[in-house]
Amino acid sequence: MFCSAIIPTIGRASLSRAVRSILDQGFADADYEIIVVNDTGNPLPQMEWQHSPRVRMIVTQKRERSVARNTGAAVAKGRYLYFLDDDDIMLPGALREFWELSQKTDARWLFGGYQTVDNDGQIVAEFRPNLAGNISGWLIAGEGIPLQASLFRADVFYEAGEFDVFLTGAQDRDLERRISMRCSVCNTPFWVAQIRVGRERSSTDWSRLREFDRWGREKAFDQLNSFQSLWDSAQGKSHLHGRVCRAYLASAMWNLTRKFFFKFFSRLFLCVVFGIPYIFSPAFWNGVRTRIPPLGSFESR
C-alpha cells in the first residue's frame, strides 16, 4: 500500500470535508487508506464516508493529538504516512503528485507547496519551501514545514521515535527535527494542502507553546548524530551556519538558566566549533543576527 492518511479528530464539523478531500483524489495508480482517529470521547455522527472501504475508524478516548496520531500510525498499512488535521484539506491531485515524486527519489520525506486559509476559507498566504536534501540546519534554526504538506516513510517515522506524547504543542516541529537528522527530503512545487490558521477550537496549550518548542529543540540537539547532521546541512552556507550557531547559543543560555551546566558548556563549545570556519564571512554574522522565527499557528495547532 502506498499511503495511510491519518486524521485525528476532536469532533469538528469540518472532519467530513477533510476526509472527502482524500477520498475524492481520483487516484488509482496505487492503494491508500484513511484512518480516522476519534479522540472526542463520544461516538461520531454517522456520515456517508464512514462506509467507504478505504476508511477505518479507531478510538483513543480523549488521549490528545500525539497519542491519536501514534495510534493511527501503529495500525497503518501504508509505506508512507500522511497526517492531516480535521479542519484542513488535501488539495486535488496531491496524492498522485506525491506518488509520482516517490517513484523518482529515495528521499524518505516528501513535501509540497501549501496554502494557509482563514476561518472563512479565504487564502491568507501561499508557500513553496525551496528545500531539499538534508534540511536539519534549517529546522533547528526555527523554520518549519507543516505535517499537512508532508509524507513520511513509515520506517523513518519509527526510527525518529514517533510523536512525543508529553508535548501538547509544537509536536510537529519536534518530530520533524528528529526525522530530518535521519533522512533527506524531496519537494514538489505542486499545491498539496490547505491549512487553516487560527486558534478556534484548538487543542494546543498556547501558553506553553514556546516552551514546548524549546524542549523539542533540546531533544534534537541531544540526538547522537546531531552535530554531524547539522554540519552537513549547513556545509557551504555561511548564513545557515550563522543561524545554527544562534540556535546553539540560545540552547546554551536556556540550559544555563536551568543550571544544566554540562549542557551549557557543551552547546557553547559546539557553537564555537560550528562557527570558526565562517567567522570572516559577513553572511555568517547576518545569520547569527537572524532571530529564531516565532511559531506560526499553521505549524503548531
Protein backbone atom coordinates (compact mmCIF):
# COMPACT_ATOMS: atom_id res chain seq x y z
CA MET A 1 0.00 0.00 0.00
CA PHE A 2 1.34 3.42 -0.95
CA CYS A 3 -0.05 5.71 1.76
CA SER A 4 -2.01 5.79 5.02
CA ALA A 5 -3.67 9.13 5.76
CA ILE A 6 -4.22 9.61 9.50
CA ILE A 7 -6.81 12.16 10.65
CA PRO A 8 -7.21 12.64 14.41
CA THR A 9 -10.46 14.41 15.24
CA ILE A 10 -11.80 16.36 18.19
CA GLY A 11 -15.26 16.47 16.65
CA ARG A 12 -15.02 19.47 14.36
CA ALA A 13 -17.78 19.80 11.77
CA SER A 14 -15.04 20.13 9.15
CA LEU A 15 -14.00 16.47 9.56
CA SER A 16 -16.12 15.29 6.63
CA ARG A 17 -14.51 17.85 4.35
CA ALA A 18 -11.05 16.68 5.40
CA VAL A 19 -11.90 13.02 4.74
CA ARG A 20 -13.58 13.78 1.42
CA SER A 21 -10.56 15.77 0.27
CA ILE A 22 -8.62 12.49 0.27
CA LEU A 23 -11.38 10.16 -0.89
CA ASP A 24 -12.06 12.43 -3.87
CA GLN A 25 -8.46 12.48 -5.10
CA GLY A 26 -9.32 10.31 -8.09
CA PHE A 27 -6.06 8.42 -7.64
CA ALA A 28 -5.97 4.79 -8.78
CA ASP A 29 -2.30 4.04 -9.52
CA ALA A 30 -1.67 2.68 -6.00
CA ASP A 31 -3.69 1.73 -2.95
CA TYR A 32 -4.22 4.04 0.01
CA GLU A 33 -6.31 4.19 3.18
CA ILE A 34 -7.71 6.78 5.57
CA ILE A 35 -7.56 6.19 9.32
CA VAL A 36 -9.86 8.49 11.31
CA VAL A 37 -8.88 8.55 14.99
CA ASN A 38 -11.82 9.59 17.16
CA ASP A 39 -10.35 11.39 20.18
CA THR A 40 -13.58 13.11 21.23
CA GLY A 41 -14.63 10.64 23.92
CA ASN A 42 -18.00 10.26 22.16
CA PRO A 43 -19.29 8.42 19.08
CA LEU A 44 -19.02 10.40 15.85
CA PRO A 45 -22.23 11.24 13.96
CA GLN A 46 -22.96 8.82 11.13
CA MET A 47 -21.58 10.07 7.82
CA GLU A 48 -21.64 8.56 4.33
CA TRP A 49 -17.84 8.44 4.08
CA GLN A 50 -17.66 6.09 7.08
CA HIS A 51 -18.88 3.30 4.81
CA SER A 52 -16.05 3.68 2.30
CA PRO A 53 -13.79 0.59 2.14
CA ARG A 54 -10.82 2.97 2.28
CA VAL A 55 -11.80 4.36 5.69
CA ARG A 56 -11.03 2.81 9.07
CA MET A 57 -12.24 4.23 12.38
CA ILE A 58 -10.39 3.83 15.68
CA VAL A 59 -10.97 5.39 19.10
CA THR A 60 -8.46 6.88 21.57
CA GLN A 61 -10.85 8.40 24.17
CA LYS A 62 -9.51 11.95 24.67
CA ARG A 63 -5.85 10.94 24.91
CA GLU A 64 -4.66 14.04 22.98
CA ARG A 65 -3.36 14.55 19.48
CA SER A 66 0.07 12.87 19.71
CA VAL A 67 -1.42 9.67 21.13
CA ALA A 68 -4.10 9.75 18.44
CA ARG A 69 -1.54 10.19 15.67
CA ASN A 70 0.75 7.47 17.03
CA THR A 71 -2.19 5.09 17.41
CA GLY A 72 -3.22 5.69 13.82
CA ALA A 73 0.34 5.11 12.65
CA ALA A 74 0.54 1.87 14.64
CA VAL A 75 -2.27 0.28 12.63
CA ALA A 76 -1.36 1.88 9.29
CA LYS A 77 -0.53 -0.34 6.34
CA GLY A 78 0.95 2.28 4.03
CA ARG A 79 4.61 2.70 3.12
CA TYR A 80 4.12 6.43 3.66
CA LEU A 81 2.25 8.20 6.45
CA TYR A 82 0.26 11.38 5.91
CA PHE A 83 -1.04 13.35 8.91
CA LEU A 84 -3.97 15.68 8.29
CA ASP A 85 -5.86 17.73 10.89
CA ASP A 86 -9.64 17.53 10.82
CA ASP A 87 -10.01 21.18 9.77
CA ASP A 88 -7.50 21.07 6.89
CA ILE A 89 -7.67 19.51 3.43
CA MET A 90 -5.51 17.75 0.88
CA LEU A 91 -5.79 19.61 -2.42
CA PRO A 92 -6.91 17.85 -5.63
CA GLY A 93 -4.16 15.92 -7.39
CA ALA A 94 -1.84 15.94 -4.38
CA LEU A 95 -1.86 12.19 -3.82
CA ARG A 96 -0.90 11.50 -7.43
CA GLU A 97 1.83 14.14 -7.26
CA PHE A 98 3.27 12.54 -4.12
CA TRP A 99 3.13 9.08 -5.70
CA GLU A 100 4.92 10.28 -8.83
CA LEU A 101 7.54 12.02 -6.69
CA SER A 102 8.09 8.82 -4.69
CA GLN A 103 8.91 6.97 -7.92
CA LYS A 104 11.76 9.39 -8.67
CA THR A 105 13.54 9.70 -5.33
CA ASP A 106 14.88 7.70 -2.39
CA ALA A 107 14.09 10.57 -0.01
CA ARG A 108 12.02 9.41 2.95
CA TRP A 109 10.33 12.77 3.50
CA LEU A 110 8.29 14.27 0.67
CA PHE A 111 6.55 17.64 0.82
CA GLY A 112 4.83 20.15 -1.41
CA GLY A 113 3.51 23.67 -1.57
CA TYR A 114 0.71 24.72 0.75
CA GLN A 115 -1.80 27.48 1.30
CA THR A 116 -2.96 28.92 4.60
CA VAL A 117 -6.62 29.95 4.87
CA ASP A 118 -8.71 31.81 7.44
CA ASN A 119 -11.87 30.54 9.11
CA ASP A 120 -13.90 31.65 6.08
CA GLY A 121 -11.74 29.62 3.70
CA GLN A 122 -10.06 32.67 2.17
CA ILE A 123 -6.42 32.19 1.22
CA VAL A 124 -4.11 34.12 3.56
CA ALA A 125 -0.74 33.12 2.10
CA GLU A 126 0.94 30.58 -0.16
CA PHE A 127 4.25 28.84 0.46
CA ARG A 128 6.57 26.76 -1.70
CA PRO A 129 9.59 25.98 0.53
CA ASN A 130 12.61 25.50 -1.74
CA LEU A 131 14.36 22.97 0.48
CA ALA A 132 15.83 19.59 -0.42
CA GLY A 133 18.38 17.08 0.83
CA ASN A 134 19.48 17.49 4.45
CA ILE A 135 17.37 20.28 5.97
CA SER A 136 18.14 19.70 9.67
CA GLY A 137 20.01 23.01 9.88
CA TRP A 138 17.01 24.97 8.65
CA LEU A 139 14.68 23.24 11.11
CA ILE A 140 16.96 23.71 14.12
CA ALA A 141 17.19 27.39 13.13
CA GLY A 142 13.42 27.68 13.51
CA GLU A 143 11.99 27.05 10.05
CA GLY A 144 9.21 24.51 9.63
CA ILE A 145 7.23 22.50 7.11
CA PRO A 146 3.64 21.63 8.06
CA LEU A 147 2.72 17.98 8.54
CA GLN A 148 -0.26 18.55 6.27
CA ALA A 149 2.10 19.22 3.35
CA SER A 150 4.35 16.22 4.08
CA LEU A 151 4.54 12.47 3.54
CA PHE A 152 6.93 10.47 5.74
CA ARG A 153 8.11 6.97 5.06
CA ALA A 154 6.80 4.84 7.91
CA ASP A 155 10.26 3.44 8.68
CA VAL A 156 11.81 6.87 9.33
CA PHE A 157 8.80 7.88 11.44
CA TYR A 158 9.52 4.97 13.77
CA GLU A 159 13.29 5.45 13.68
CA ALA A 160 12.77 9.02 14.87
CA GLY A 161 10.60 7.86 17.77
CA GLU A 162 7.05 8.89 16.75
CA PHE A 163 5.28 11.91 18.25
CA ASP A 164 6.21 12.89 21.80
CA VAL A 165 3.08 12.23 23.86
CA PHE A 166 4.29 14.54 26.63
CA LEU A 167 4.15 17.63 24.41
CA THR A 168 0.80 19.36 23.87
CA GLY A 169 2.24 21.87 21.43
CA ALA A 170 4.93 22.02 18.72
CA GLN A 171 4.82 18.22 18.36
CA ASP A 172 5.18 18.53 14.60
CA ARG A 173 8.35 20.62 14.77
CA ASP A 174 9.81 18.26 17.37
CA LEU A 175 9.18 15.19 15.21
CA GLU A 176 10.39 16.85 12.02
CA ARG A 177 13.70 17.90 13.55
CA ARG A 178 14.35 14.32 14.61
CA ILE A 179 13.31 12.95 11.22
CA SER A 180 15.47 15.48 9.35
CA MET A 181 18.56 14.08 11.08
CA ARG A 182 17.83 10.63 9.64
CA CYS A 183 16.87 11.23 6.03
CA SER A 184 16.87 13.57 3.08
CA VAL A 185 13.81 15.40 1.80
CA CYS A 186 12.44 15.99 -1.69
CA ASN A 187 9.84 18.58 -2.65
CA THR A 188 7.36 19.39 -5.37
CA PRO A 189 6.06 22.90 -6.14
CA PHE A 190 2.56 21.41 -6.56
CA TRP A 191 -0.02 22.76 -4.09
CA VAL A 192 -0.80 19.78 -1.84
CA ALA A 193 -2.67 21.18 1.18
CA GLN A 194 -4.80 23.99 2.57
CA ILE A 195 -4.17 24.67 6.24
CA ARG A 196 -6.45 26.71 8.48
CA VAL A 197 -4.71 29.34 10.60
CA GLY A 198 -6.15 30.42 13.93
CA ARG A 199 -6.84 29.12 17.41
CA GLU A 200 -10.56 28.35 17.21
CA ARG A 201 -11.27 25.00 18.95
CA SER A 202 -7.54 24.25 19.03
CA SER A 203 -6.26 21.62 21.48
CA THR A 204 -2.83 23.28 21.67
CA ASP A 205 -1.66 24.63 25.04
CA TRP A 206 -0.79 28.06 23.62
CA SER A 207 0.52 29.43 26.93
CA ARG A 208 3.36 26.88 26.87
CA LEU A 209 3.91 26.62 23.13
CA ARG A 210 7.31 28.34 23.03
CA GLU A 211 8.47 26.27 26.00
CA PHE A 212 7.45 23.05 24.23
CA ASP A 213 9.33 24.13 21.11
CA ARG A 214 12.48 24.76 23.15
CA TRP A 215 12.21 21.30 24.68
CA GLY A 216 11.88 19.89 21.18
CA ARG A 217 14.99 21.78 20.07
CA GLU A 218 16.90 20.34 23.03
CA LYS A 219 15.84 16.82 22.05
CA ALA A 220 17.12 17.43 18.53
CA PHE A 221 20.48 18.68 19.81
CA ASP A 222 20.68 15.57 22.01
CA GLN A 223 20.39 13.19 19.03
CA LEU A 224 23.55 11.10 18.66
CA ASN A 225 24.30 12.36 15.15
CA SER A 226 23.02 15.90 15.57
CA PHE A 227 26.26 17.84 15.13
CA GLN A 228 27.29 15.91 12.01
CA SER A 229 23.82 16.22 10.52
CA LEU A 230 23.70 19.96 11.17
CA TRP A 231 27.22 20.41 9.79
CA ASP A 232 26.35 18.53 6.61
CA SER A 233 23.12 20.51 6.24
CA ALA A 234 24.90 23.87 6.52
CA GLN A 235 28.03 22.94 4.55
CA GLY A 236 28.96 25.80 2.23
CA LYS A 237 26.11 28.00 3.50
CA SER A 238 27.63 30.78 5.60
CA HIS A 239 24.28 32.32 6.53
CA LEU A 240 22.86 28.98 7.69
CA HIS A 241 25.99 28.33 9.75
CA GLY A 242 25.28 31.60 11.50
CA ARG A 243 21.66 30.69 12.14
CA VAL A 244 22.60 27.30 13.58
CA CYS A 245 25.19 29.00 15.80
CA ARG A 246 22.45 31.29 17.09
CA ALA A 247 20.35 28.20 17.90
CA TYR A 248 23.31 26.69 19.79
CA LEU A 249 23.74 29.94 21.72
CA ALA A 250 20.03 30.08 22.55
CA SER A 251 20.23 26.49 23.78
CA ALA A 252 23.32 27.25 25.87
CA MET A 253 21.60 30.16 27.62
CA TRP A 254 18.41 28.15 28.12
CA ASN A 255 20.41 25.39 29.83
CA LEU A 256 22.37 27.91 31.91
CA THR A 257 19.16 29.39 33.35
CA ARG A 258 18.16 25.87 34.41
CA LYS A 259 21.62 25.16 35.88
CA PHE A 260 22.31 22.39 33.38
CA PHE A 261 25.97 23.38 33.34
CA PHE A 262 27.33 20.45 31.35
CA LYS A 263 24.91 21.11 28.51
CA PHE A 264 25.61 24.83 28.73
CA PHE A 265 29.34 24.33 28.15
CA SER A 266 28.73 21.61 25.56
CA ARG A 267 26.41 23.80 23.47
CA LEU A 268 28.80 26.75 23.78
CA PHE A 269 31.76 24.63 22.64
CA LEU A 270 29.84 23.23 19.67
CA CYS A 271 28.72 26.74 18.72
CA VAL A 272 32.36 27.85 18.54
CA VAL A 273 33.39 24.79 16.53
CA PHE A 274 30.45 25.28 14.18
CA GLY A 275 31.20 28.94 13.58
CA ILE A 276 35.01 29.17 13.39
CA PRO A 277 35.35 28.36 9.65
CA TYR A 278 32.97 31.21 8.77
CA ILE A 279 33.83 33.98 11.24
CA PHE A 280 35.17 36.25 8.48
CA SER A 281 32.03 35.91 6.37
CA PRO A 282 29.50 38.79 6.56
CA ALA A 283 26.75 36.29 5.65
CA PHE A 284 27.65 34.26 8.74
CA TRP A 285 27.18 37.23 11.04
CA ASN A 286 23.94 38.12 9.30
CA GLY A 287 22.81 34.59 10.13
CA VAL A 288 23.85 34.98 13.76
CA ARG A 289 21.78 38.17 13.96
CA THR A 290 18.71 36.50 12.41
CA ARG A 291 16.18 35.90 15.16
CA ILE A 292 14.72 32.43 15.52
CA PRO A 293 11.26 32.80 13.87
CA PRO A 294 8.21 32.79 16.14
CA LEU A 295 5.99 29.75 15.91
CA GLY A 296 3.45 30.01 13.11
CA SER A 297 -0.06 28.92 14.08
CA PHE A 298 -0.35 26.80 10.94
CA GLU A 299 2.67 24.77 12.07
CA SER A 300 1.65 24.16 15.62
CA ARG A 301 -2.04 23.56 16.10
